[in-house]
C-alpha atoms as a PDB file:
ATOM      1  CA  MET A   1      -2.522  -9.320  -9.505  1.00  0.00           C
ATOM      2  CA  GLY A   2       0.699  -7.022  -9.920  1.00  0.00           C
ATOM      3  CA  GLN A   3       0.171  -3.104  -9.901  1.00  0.00           C
ATOM      4  CA  THR A   4       0.109  -1.478 -13.167  1.00  0.00           C
ATOM      5  CA  PHE A   5      -1.749   1.708 -11.765  1.00  0.00           C
ATOM      6  CA  PRO A   6      -0.581   4.494  -9.866  1.00  0.00           C
ATOM      7  CA  ASP A   7      -1.901   4.951  -6.308  1.00  0.00           C
ATOM      8  CA  THR A   8      -3.055   8.589  -7.158  1.00  0.00           C
ATOM      9  CA  VAL A   9      -4.487  10.111 -10.069  1.00  0.00           C
ATOM     10  CA  SER A  10      -5.290  13.961 -10.850  1.00  0.00           C
ATOM     11  CA  VAL A  11      -8.406  15.370 -12.100  1.00  0.00           C
ATOM     12  CA  ASP A  12      -6.940  16.018 -15.479  1.00  0.00           C
ATOM     13  CA  TRP A  13      -6.159  12.156 -15.746  1.00  0.00           C
ATOM     14  CA  LEU A  14      -9.566  11.269 -14.834  1.00  0.00           C
ATOM     15  CA  ARG A  15     -11.318  13.535 -17.137  1.00  0.00           C
ATOM     16  CA  GLU A  16      -9.187  12.155 -19.996  1.00  0.00           C
ATOM     17  CA  HIS A  17      -9.955   8.412 -18.890  1.00  0.00           C
ATOM     18  CA  LEU A  18     -13.478   8.654 -17.332  1.00  0.00           C
ATOM     19  CA  ASP A  19     -15.013   6.525 -20.231  1.00  0.00           C
ATOM     20  CA  ASP A  20     -12.219   3.929 -20.728  1.00  0.00           C
ATOM     21  CA  PRO A  21     -13.721   0.532 -20.627  1.00  0.00           C
ATOM     22  CA  GLY A  22     -12.733  -1.361 -17.401  1.00  0.00           C
ATOM     23  CA  THR A  23     -12.428   1.571 -15.114  1.00  0.00           C
ATOM     24  CA  VAL A  24     -14.801   1.939 -12.285  1.00  0.00           C
ATOM     25  CA  VAL A  25     -15.005   5.361 -10.444  1.00  0.00           C
ATOM     26  CA  VAL A  26     -16.225   5.031  -6.602  1.00  0.00           C
ATOM     27  CA  ASP A  27     -17.297   7.416  -4.354  1.00  0.00           C
ATOM     28  CA  SER A  28     -16.678   6.252  -0.758  1.00  0.00           C
ATOM     29  CA  SER A  29     -17.905   9.154   1.147  1.00  0.00           C
ATOM     30  CA  THR A  30     -19.284   8.926   4.806  1.00  0.00           C
ATOM     31  CA  HIS A  31     -20.146  12.109   6.848  1.00  0.00           C
ATOM     32  CA  LEU A  32     -18.191  12.385  10.140  1.00  0.00           C
ATOM     33  CA  ALA A  33     -19.200  14.891  12.679  1.00  0.00           C
ATOM     34  CA  LEU A  34     -16.209  15.442  14.993  1.00  0.00           C
ATOM     35  CA  PRO A  35     -16.962  17.965  17.905  1.00  0.00           C
ATOM     36  CA  LYS A  36     -14.337  20.121  19.448  1.00  0.00           C
ATOM     37  CA  ASP A  37     -14.952  17.805  22.457  1.00  0.00           C
ATOM     38  CA  GLY A  38     -17.134  14.486  22.907  1.00  0.00           C
ATOM     39  CA  PRO A  39     -17.833  11.724  20.785  1.00  0.00           C
ATOM     40  CA  TYR A  40     -18.053  11.495  16.983  1.00  0.00           C
ATOM     41  CA  THR A  41     -20.881  10.692  15.039  1.00  0.00           C
ATOM     42  CA  VAL A  42     -21.235   9.276  11.512  1.00  0.00           C
ATOM     43  CA  GLU A  43     -23.758   8.588   8.765  1.00  0.00           C
ATOM     44  CA  PRO A  44     -23.388   7.113   5.167  1.00  0.00           C
ATOM     45  CA  GLY A  45     -22.788   9.862   2.268  1.00  0.00           C
ATOM     46  CA  ARG A  46     -25.366   8.228   0.095  1.00  0.00           C
ATOM     47  CA  SER A  47     -27.880  11.363  -0.041  1.00  0.00           C
ATOM     48  CA  THR A  48     -25.279  13.650  -0.969  1.00  0.00           C
ATOM     49  CA  PHE A  49     -23.914  11.179  -3.584  1.00  0.00           C
ATOM     50  CA  ASP A  50     -27.507  11.020  -5.015  1.00  0.00           C
ATOM     51  CA  ALA A  51     -27.484  14.652  -5.286  1.00  0.00           C
ATOM     52  CA  GLU A  52     -24.247  15.093  -7.092  1.00  0.00           C
ATOM     53  CA  HIS A  53     -21.248  12.803  -8.116  1.00  0.00           C
ATOM     54  CA  ILE A  54     -18.901  12.082 -10.895  1.00  0.00           C
ATOM     55  CA  PRO A  55     -20.717  10.855 -13.926  1.00  0.00           C
ATOM     56  CA  GLY A  56     -20.723   7.195 -13.801  1.00  0.00           C
ATOM     57  CA  ALA A  57     -19.645   6.513 -10.328  1.00  0.00           C
ATOM     58  CA  VAL A  58     -20.854   4.241  -7.976  1.00  0.00           C
ATOM     59  CA  PHE A  59     -21.383   4.554  -4.271  1.00  0.00           C
ATOM     60  CA  ALA A  60     -19.597   2.465  -1.835  1.00  0.00           C
ATOM     61  CA  ASP A  61     -21.098   2.310   1.741  1.00  0.00           C
ATOM     62  CA  LEU A  62     -18.421   1.829   4.420  1.00  0.00           C
ATOM     63  CA  LEU A  63     -20.721   1.818   7.219  1.00  0.00           C
ATOM     64  CA  THR A  64     -23.017  -1.087   5.598  1.00  0.00           C
ATOM     65  CA  ASP A  65     -21.951  -3.040   2.579  1.00  0.00           C
ATOM     66  CA  PHE A  66     -18.176  -2.839   3.281  1.00  0.00           C
ATOM     67  CA  ALA A  67     -18.152  -3.316   7.166  1.00  0.00           C
ATOM     68  CA  ASP A  68     -18.312  -6.177   9.504  1.00  0.00           C
ATOM     69  CA  PRO A  69     -22.052  -6.405  10.626  1.00  0.00           C
ATOM     70  CA  GLY A  70     -21.237  -8.305  13.839  1.00  0.00           C
ATOM     71  CA  SER A  71     -18.636  -5.648  14.939  1.00  0.00           C
ATOM     72  CA  ALA A  72     -19.387  -3.339  17.581  1.00  0.00           C
ATOM     73  CA  ALA A  73     -17.371  -0.700  16.010  1.00  0.00           C
ATOM     74  CA  ALA A  74     -18.368   1.324  12.973  1.00  0.00           C
ATOM     75  CA  TRP A  75     -16.806   0.228   9.524  1.00  0.00           C
ATOM     76  CA  THR A  76     -14.640  -2.634  10.811  1.00  0.00           C
ATOM     77  CA  ALA A  77     -13.351  -4.380   7.784  1.00  0.00           C
ATOM     78  CA  PRO A  78     -15.419  -7.247   6.919  1.00  0.00           C
ATOM     79  CA  ASP A  79     -14.452 -10.802   5.961  1.00  0.00           C
ATOM     80  CA  SER A  80     -13.077 -11.454   2.373  1.00  0.00           C
ATOM     81  CA  ASP A  81     -16.321 -13.134   1.307  1.00  0.00           C
ATOM     82  CA  ARG A  82     -18.447 -10.113   2.308  1.00  0.00           C
ATOM     83  CA  PHE A  83     -16.195  -7.636   0.711  1.00  0.00           C
ATOM     84  CA  ALA A  84     -15.759  -9.714  -2.686  1.00  0.00           C
ATOM     85  CA  ALA A  85     -19.645  -9.635  -2.919  1.00  0.00           C
ATOM     86  CA  ALA A  86     -20.175  -6.084  -2.182  1.00  0.00           C
ATOM     87  CA  ALA A  87     -17.201  -5.139  -4.667  1.00  0.00           C
ATOM     88  CA  GLY A  88     -18.515  -7.303  -7.172  1.00  0.00           C
ATOM     89  CA  ALA A  89     -22.155  -5.877  -6.912  1.00  0.00           C
ATOM     90  CA  LEU A  90     -20.406  -2.302  -7.702  1.00  0.00           C
ATOM     91  CA  GLY A  91     -19.045  -3.809 -10.873  1.00  0.00           C
ATOM     92  CA  ILE A  92     -15.525  -3.934  -9.405  1.00  0.00           C
ATOM     93  CA  GLY A  93     -13.760  -7.309 -10.474  1.00  0.00           C
ATOM     94  CA  ASP A  94     -10.508  -8.981 -11.754  1.00  0.00           C
ATOM     95  CA  GLY A  95      -9.096  -7.192 -14.455  1.00  0.00           C
ATOM     96  CA  PHE A  96     -10.601  -3.837 -13.732  1.00  0.00           C
ATOM     97  CA  ARG A  97      -9.118  -0.729 -12.267  1.00  0.00           C
ATOM     98  CA  VAL A  98     -10.688   1.639  -9.721  1.00  0.00           C
ATOM     99  CA  VAL A  99     -10.706   5.238  -9.126  1.00  0.00           C
ATOM    100  CA  VAL A 100     -11.866   6.154  -5.735  1.00  0.00           C
ATOM    101  CA  TYR A 101     -12.907   9.555  -4.223  1.00  0.00           C
ATOM    102  CA  ASP A 102     -14.775  11.070  -1.567  1.00  0.00           C
ATOM    103  CA  GLN A 103     -16.559  14.398  -0.781  1.00  0.00           C
ATOM    104  CA  HIS A 104     -14.287  15.589   1.920  1.00  0.00           C
ATOM    105  CA  ASP A 105     -10.747  15.362   2.873  1.00  0.00           C
ATOM    106  CA  GLY A 106      -9.806  12.245   0.979  1.00  0.00           C
ATOM    107  CA  TYR A 107      -9.529   9.849   3.987  1.00  0.00           C
ATOM    108  CA  TRP A 108     -12.657   7.952   3.066  1.00  0.00           C
ATOM    109  CA  ALA A 109     -11.208   7.431  -0.287  1.00  0.00           C
ATOM    110  CA  THR A 110      -7.987   6.074   1.023  1.00  0.00           C
ATOM    111  CA  ARG A 111      -9.937   3.871   3.291  1.00  0.00           C
ATOM    112  CA  PHE A 112     -11.475   2.091   0.292  1.00  0.00           C
ATOM    113  CA  TRP A 113      -8.120   2.106  -1.507  1.00  0.00           C
ATOM    114  CA  TRP A 114      -6.692   0.334   1.675  1.00  0.00           C
ATOM    115  CA  HIS A 115      -9.799  -1.981   1.753  1.00  0.00           C
ATOM    116  CA  LEU A 116      -9.042  -3.114  -1.777  1.00  0.00           C
ATOM    117  CA  ARG A 117      -5.341  -3.543  -1.395  1.00  0.00           C
ATOM    118  CA  LEU A 118      -6.164  -5.666   1.666  1.00  0.00           C
ATOM    119  CA  GLU A 119      -8.239  -7.907  -0.344  1.00  0.00           C
ATOM    120  CA  GLY A 120      -5.495  -8.244  -2.920  1.00  0.00           C
ATOM    121  CA  PHE A 121      -6.410  -5.781  -5.395  1.00  0.00           C
ATOM    122  CA  ASP A 122      -3.680  -3.436  -6.552  1.00  0.00           C
ATOM    123  CA  ASP A 123      -5.265  -1.413  -9.626  1.00  0.00           C
ATOM    124  CA  VAL A 124      -6.740   1.187  -7.482  1.00  0.00           C
ATOM    125  CA  ALA A 125      -6.043   4.856  -7.401  1.00  0.00           C
ATOM    126  CA  VAL A 126      -7.370   7.709  -5.144  1.00  0.00           C
ATOM    127  CA  LEU A 127      -8.461  10.858  -7.156  1.00  0.00           C
ATOM    128  CA  ASP A 128      -6.153  13.650  -5.750  1.00  0.00           C
ATOM    129  CA  GLY A 129      -8.334  16.225  -3.954  1.00  0.00           C
ATOM    130  CA  GLY A 130     -11.546  14.334  -4.548  1.00  0.00           C
ATOM    131  CA  LEU A 131     -14.674  15.765  -5.380  1.00  0.00           C
ATOM    132  CA  PRO A 132     -13.927  19.276  -4.422  1.00  0.00           C
ATOM    133  CA  ALA A 133     -10.860  19.573  -6.730  1.00  0.00           C
ATOM    134  CA  TRP A 134     -13.195  17.979  -9.661  1.00  0.00           C
ATOM    135  CA  LYS A 135     -15.790  20.711  -9.148  1.00  0.00           C
ATOM    136  CA  ALA A 136     -13.068  23.389  -8.776  1.00  0.00           C
ATOM    137  CA  ALA A 137     -11.577  22.326 -12.077  1.00  0.00           C
ATOM    138  CA  GLY A 138     -15.171  22.647 -13.486  1.00  0.00           C
ATOM    139  CA  ALA A 139     -15.419  19.148 -14.401  1.00  0.00           C
ATOM    140  CA  PRO A 140     -19.051  17.793 -14.708  1.00  0.00           C
ATOM    141  CA  VAL A 141     -21.223  16.233 -11.931  1.00  0.00           C
ATOM    142  CA  THR A 142     -24.388  14.539 -12.352  1.00  0.00           C
ATOM    143  CA  ASP A 143     -27.430  13.188 -10.014  1.00  0.00           C
ATOM    144  CA  ALA A 144     -27.995  10.522 -12.682  1.00  0.00           C
ATOM    145  CA  ALA A 145     -28.059   6.963 -11.095  1.00  0.00           C
ATOM    146  CA  SER A 146     -25.656   4.422 -12.277  1.00  0.00           C
ATOM    147  CA  SER A 147     -26.204   0.760 -12.875  1.00  0.00           C
ATOM    148  CA  PRO A 148     -23.155  -1.207 -12.848  1.00  0.00           C
ATOM    149  CA  ALA A 149     -22.726  -4.707 -14.395  1.00  0.00           C
ATOM    150  CA  PRO A 150     -21.961  -7.128 -11.649  1.00  0.00           C
ATOM    151  CA  ALA A 151     -18.310  -8.524 -11.635  1.00  0.00           C
ATOM    152  CA  THR A 152     -16.486 -11.049 -10.144  1.00  0.00           C
ATOM    153  CA  PHE A 153     -13.855 -10.105  -7.514  1.00  0.00           C
ATOM    154  CA  THR A 154     -11.471 -12.507  -6.285  1.00  0.00           C
ATOM    155  CA  ALA A 155     -10.281 -11.705  -2.871  1.00  0.00           C
ATOM    156  CA  ARG A 156      -6.790 -12.586  -1.685  1.00  0.00           C
ATOM    157  CA  ARG A 157      -6.252 -11.397   1.942  1.00  0.00           C
ATOM    158  CA  ARG A 158      -3.123  -9.911   2.854  1.00  0.00           C
ATOM    159  CA  ASP A 159      -3.050 -10.209   6.534  1.00  0.00           C
ATOM    160  CA  ASP A 160       0.362  -8.286   6.838  1.00  0.00           C
ATOM    161  CA  LEU A 161      -1.724  -4.919   5.928  1.00  0.00           C
ATOM    162  CA  ILE A 162      -3.991  -5.167   8.965  1.00  0.00           C
ATOM    163  CA  ARG A 163      -3.478  -5.344  12.586  1.00  0.00           C
ATOM    164  CA  SER A 164      -6.131  -6.140  15.543  1.00  0.00           C
ATOM    165  CA  THR A 165      -5.967  -5.014  19.148  1.00  0.00           C
ATOM    166  CA  GLN A 166      -4.540  -8.373  20.195  1.00  0.00           C
ATOM    167  CA  GLN A 167      -1.506  -7.989  17.559  1.00  0.00           C
ATOM    168  CA  VAL A 168      -0.834  -4.417  18.592  1.00  0.00           C
ATOM    169  CA  GLY A 169      -0.701  -5.153  22.176  1.00  0.00           C
ATOM    170  CA  ASP A 170       1.777  -8.153  21.557  1.00  0.00           C
ATOM    171  CA  THR A 171       4.029  -5.774  19.792  1.00  0.00           C
ATOM    172  CA  LEU A 172       4.037  -2.899  22.155  1.00  0.00           C
ATOM    173  CA  ASP A 173       8.014  -3.587  22.712  1.00  0.00           C
ATOM    174  CA  ASP A 174       8.754  -4.817  19.240  1.00  0.00           C
ATOM    175  CA  ALA A 175      11.774  -2.728  18.014  1.00  0.00           C
ATOM    176  CA  GLY A 176      10.730  -3.817  14.578  1.00  0.00           C
ATOM    177  CA  THR A 177       7.429  -1.904  14.663  1.00  0.00           C
ATOM    178  CA  VAL A 178       6.662   1.737  14.931  1.00  0.00           C
ATOM    179  CA  LEU A 179       3.016   2.667  15.978  1.00  0.00           C
ATOM    180  CA  VAL A 180       2.098   5.856  14.175  1.00  0.00           C
ATOM    181  CA  ASN A 181      -0.875   7.928  15.656  1.00  0.00           C
ATOM    182  CA  VAL A 182      -1.841  10.113  13.039  1.00  0.00           C
ATOM    183  CA  LEU A 183      -4.220  12.429  14.904  1.00  0.00           C
ATOM    184  CA  ASP A 184      -3.810  15.945  15.778  1.00  0.00           C
ATOM    185  CA  PRO A 185      -1.244  16.721  18.538  1.00  0.00           C
ATOM    186  CA  ALA A 186      -3.875  17.690  21.266  1.00  0.00           C
ATOM    187  CA  THR A 187      -5.509  14.416  20.763  1.00  0.00           C
ATOM    188  CA  TYR A 188      -2.120  12.670  20.955  1.00  0.00           C
ATOM    189  CA  ARG A 189      -1.421  14.221  23.969  1.00  0.00           C
ATOM    190  CA  GLY A 190      -4.719  13.277  25.587  1.00  0.00           C
ATOM    191  CA  GLU A 191      -6.177  17.063  26.134  1.00  0.00           C
ATOM    192  CA  THR A 192      -9.598  15.877  24.261  1.00  0.00           C
ATOM    193  CA  SER A 193     -12.343  13.450  25.401  1.00  0.00           C
ATOM    194  CA  THR A 194     -13.127  12.387  22.003  1.00  0.00           C
ATOM    195  CA  TYR A 195     -12.729   8.705  22.953  1.00  0.00           C
ATOM    196  CA  ALA A 196     -13.480   6.528  25.988  1.00  0.00           C
ATOM    197  CA  ARG A 197     -10.162   7.446  27.652  1.00  0.00           C
ATOM    198  CA  PRO A 198      -7.640  10.162  26.586  1.00  0.00           C
ATOM    199  CA  GLY A 199      -3.946   9.534  25.313  1.00  0.00           C
ATOM    200  CA  HIS A 200      -1.955   7.388  22.953  1.00  0.00           C
ATOM    201  CA  ILE A 201      -0.878   3.918  22.716  1.00  0.00           C
ATOM    202  CA  PRO A 202       2.627   3.419  24.535  1.00  0.00           C
ATOM    203  CA  GLY A 203       5.348   3.650  21.910  1.00  0.00           C
ATOM    204  CA  SER A 204       3.532   5.728  19.376  1.00  0.00           C
ATOM    205  CA  ILE A 205       4.708   8.528  17.536  1.00  0.00           C
ATOM    206  CA  ASN A 206       2.658  11.373  16.600  1.00  0.00           C
ATOM    207  CA  PHE A 207       2.391  11.945  12.738  1.00  0.00           C
ATOM    208  CA  PRO A 208      -0.609  14.282  12.025  1.00  0.00           C
ATOM    209  CA  VAL A 209      -2.294  13.154   8.718  1.00  0.00           C
ATOM    210  CA  ALA A 210      -3.075  16.706   7.998  1.00  0.00           C
ATOM    211  CA  GLN A 211       0.313  17.665   7.097  1.00  0.00           C
ATOM    212  CA  LEU A 212       0.232  15.686   4.101  1.00  0.00           C
ATOM    213  CA  ARG A 213      -2.156  17.956   2.049  1.00  0.00           C
ATOM    214  CA  ASP A 214      -1.841  21.198   0.860  1.00  0.00           C
ATOM    215  CA  PRO A 215      -4.329  23.491   3.037  1.00  0.00           C
ATOM    216  CA  ASP A 216      -5.579  25.571   0.104  1.00  0.00           C
ATOM    217  CA  THR A 217      -6.091  22.991  -2.588  1.00  0.00           C
ATOM    218  CA  GLY A 218      -6.767  19.651  -0.447  1.00  0.00           C
ATOM    219  CA  THR A 219      -4.395  18.008  -2.754  1.00  0.00           C
ATOM    220  CA  LEU A 220      -1.511  16.067  -1.616  1.00  0.00           C
ATOM    221  CA  ARG A 221       1.863  17.763  -1.111  1.00  0.00           C
ATOM    222  CA  PRO A 222       4.609  16.850  -4.066  1.00  0.00           C
ATOM    223  CA  VAL A 223       6.094  13.517  -3.539  1.00  0.00           C
ATOM    224  CA  GLU A 224       9.442  14.759  -2.695  1.00  0.00           C
ATOM    225  CA  GLU A 225       7.933  16.769   0.080  1.00  0.00           C
ATOM    226  CA  LEU A 226       5.843  13.805   1.647  1.00  0.00           C
ATOM    227  CA  ARG A 227       9.162  11.583   1.287  1.00  0.00           C
ATOM    228  CA  ALA A 228      11.145  14.414   3.435  1.00  0.00           C
ATOM    229  CA  LEU A 229       8.243  14.305   6.249  1.00  0.00           C
ATOM    230  CA  PHE A 230       8.296  10.501   6.360  1.00  0.00           C
ATOM    231  CA  GLU A 231      12.248  10.414   6.296  1.00  0.00           C
ATOM    232  CA  ALA A 232      12.339  12.922   9.058  1.00  0.00           C
ATOM    233  CA  ALA A 233       9.670  10.880  11.173  1.00  0.00           C
ATOM    234  CA  GLY A 234      11.704   7.734  10.797  1.00  0.00           C
ATOM    235  CA  LEU A 235       9.093   6.019   8.777  1.00  0.00           C
ATOM    236  CA  LEU A 236      11.283   5.165   5.656  1.00  0.00           C
ATOM    237  CA  ASP A 237      13.662   2.889   7.754  1.00  0.00           C
ATOM    238  CA  PRO A 238      13.532  -0.598   6.260  1.00  0.00           C
ATOM    239  CA  ASP A 239      14.289  -2.308   9.600  1.00  0.00           C
ATOM    240  CA  VAL A 240      10.847  -1.356  10.997  1.00  0.00           C
ATOM    241  CA  THR A 241       7.211  -1.796   9.973  1.00  0.00           C
ATOM    242  CA  PRO A 242       5.126   1.256  10.447  1.00  0.00           C
ATOM    243  CA  VAL A 243       1.410   0.496  11.795  1.00  0.00           C
ATOM    244  CA  THR A 244      -0.834   3.343  11.449  1.00  0.00           C
ATOM    245  CA  TYR A 245      -3.876   4.110  13.796  1.00  0.00           C
ATOM    246  CA  CYS A 246      -6.314   7.012  14.452  1.00  0.00           C
ATOM    247  CA  GLY A 247      -9.725   7.056  16.019  1.00  0.00           C
ATOM    248  CA  GLY A 248     -11.415   4.413  13.922  1.00  0.00           C
ATOM    249  CA  GLY A 249      -8.946   3.362  11.138  1.00  0.00           C
ATOM    250  CA  ILE A 250      -9.874   5.912   8.527  1.00  0.00           C
ATOM    251  CA  ALA A 251      -7.265   8.751   8.600  1.00  0.00           C
ATOM    252  CA  ALA A 252      -4.854   6.086   9.513  1.00  0.00           C
ATOM    253  CA  THR A 253      -5.152   4.912   5.731  1.00  0.00           C
ATOM    254  CA  GLY A 254      -4.351   8.308   4.802  1.00  0.00           C
ATOM    255  CA  VAL A 255      -0.827   7.788   6.011  1.00  0.00           C
ATOM    256  CA  ALA A 256      -0.636   4.290   4.613  1.00  0.00           C
ATOM    257  CA  HIS A 257      -1.588   5.782   1.373  1.00  0.00           C
ATOM    258  CA  ALA A 258       1.021   8.530   1.309  1.00  0.00           C
ATOM    259  CA  LEU A 259       3.805   6.060   2.276  1.00  0.00           C
ATOM    260  CA  ALA A 260       2.815   4.016  -0.770  1.00  0.00           C
ATOM    261  CA  LEU A 261       3.331   6.856  -2.745  1.00  0.00           C
ATOM    262  CA  VAL A 262       6.962   7.266  -1.822  1.00  0.00           C
ATOM    263  CA  GLY A 263       7.599   3.565  -2.190  1.00  0.00           C
ATOM    264  CA  ARG A 264       6.573   2.128   1.279  1.00  0.00           C
ATOM    265  CA  ASP A 265       3.683  -0.219   0.539  1.00  0.00           C
ATOM    266  CA  ASP A 266       4.267  -2.786   3.611  1.00  0.00           C
ATOM    267  CA  VAL A 267       2.262  -0.371   5.909  1.00  0.00           C
ATOM    268  CA  ALA A 268      -0.222  -2.029   8.246  1.00  0.00           C
ATOM    269  CA  VAL A 269      -3.335  -0.250   9.730  1.00  0.00           C
ATOM    270  CA  TYR A 270      -4.754  -0.900  12.993  1.00  0.00           C
ATOM    271  CA  ASP A 271      -8.463  -1.068  12.088  1.00  0.00           C
ATOM    272  CA  GLY A 272      -9.967  -0.681  15.672  1.00  0.00           C
ATOM    273  CA  SER A 273      -7.655   2.134  16.531  1.00  0.00           C
ATOM    274  CA  LEU A 274      -8.604   4.275  19.595  1.00  0.00           C
ATOM    275  CA  THR A 275     -12.040   3.529  19.513  1.00  0.00           C
ATOM    276  CA  GLU A 276     -11.462  -0.133  20.312  1.00  0.00           C
ATOM    277  CA  TRP A 277      -8.231   0.472  22.203  1.00  0.00           C
ATOM    278  CA  THR A 278      -9.527   3.105  24.760  1.00  0.00           C
ATOM    279  CA  ALA A 279     -12.831   0.920  25.523  1.00  0.00           C
ATOM    280  CA  ASP A 280     -10.909  -1.695  27.108  1.00  0.00           C
ATOM    281  CA  ALA A 281      -9.889  -0.216  30.495  1.00  0.00           C
ATOM    282  CA  SER A 282      -7.098  -2.840  30.920  1.00  0.00           C
ATOM    283  CA  LEU A 283      -4.975  -1.547  27.792  1.00  0.00           C
ATOM    284  CA  PRO A 284      -2.442   1.090  28.742  1.00  0.00           C
ATOM    285  CA  LEU A 285      -2.423   4.632  27.237  1.00  0.00           C
ATOM    286  CA  VAL A 286       0.154   7.585  27.721  1.00  0.00           C
ATOM    287  CA  THR A 287      -0.538  11.240  27.677  1.00  0.00           C
ATOM    288  CA  GLY A 288       1.891  14.119  27.091  1.00  0.00           C
ATOM    289  CA  ASP A 289       4.297  14.885  24.126  1.00  0.00           C
ATOM    290  CA  THR A 290       6.518  11.631  24.534  1.00  0.00           C
ATOM    291  CA  PRO A 291       5.789   8.148  23.173  1.00  0.00           C
ATOM    292  CA  ARG A 292       6.020   6.409  26.594  1.00  0.00           C
END
């Protein structure tokens, strides 16, 4: 399926197209508690979705339905068959288009955007600013349940958009790959104990995902500002493939999404990220400001 839909839409656009046939609106919220120090905790966003959501929206549970039940890590990408069944049950199918949002900072929405693209579905957009921007604009919310008609989702896995721990380890010295740690500088330097061991994967550059958004509105910065940030970081070099990672593969998709907005749609995400990498004591880590 070739892309005919932008990667991001505005609140105004969605208000105008909310009732369009073939458009599925998806809330993919998950609640993440990330203390200043110590491990994070997560829970599904179902209860807050039930309390208020965009009219007609369906809920995608990234911790259960759209995760690998056999993985020790939360929200690991499932196999294609499981994903296709879960997407079809929400009414997402061939020939449809999807607008995904979340109730927070947008990275759960970009995670589902990435999930869909990983399975070959291109007609998906993220609602810029998510539910906070929707409510700030005075757009309606509801607690009414939706009953989507099941659809047929045909998965076509794009293996180039995902990396495993083994693949990341095998390319640590590959000049054609640039590892991108999207976490805050203190975590990159190894000054927190959020994960099993502190530090970053050798060779990683630090590109904090937080810089992509306007801190006042929560919406993405203009495309030309994004392009300038990526250019300065060397992430638009056609001779290298960016591989983004974070703590658990969520915020990493935010950078992948923003890169797609400036024309770079070949970015891969290290799904296990630091949660998986730091759990293996044999894998190297670097502390401090420099990549190596």
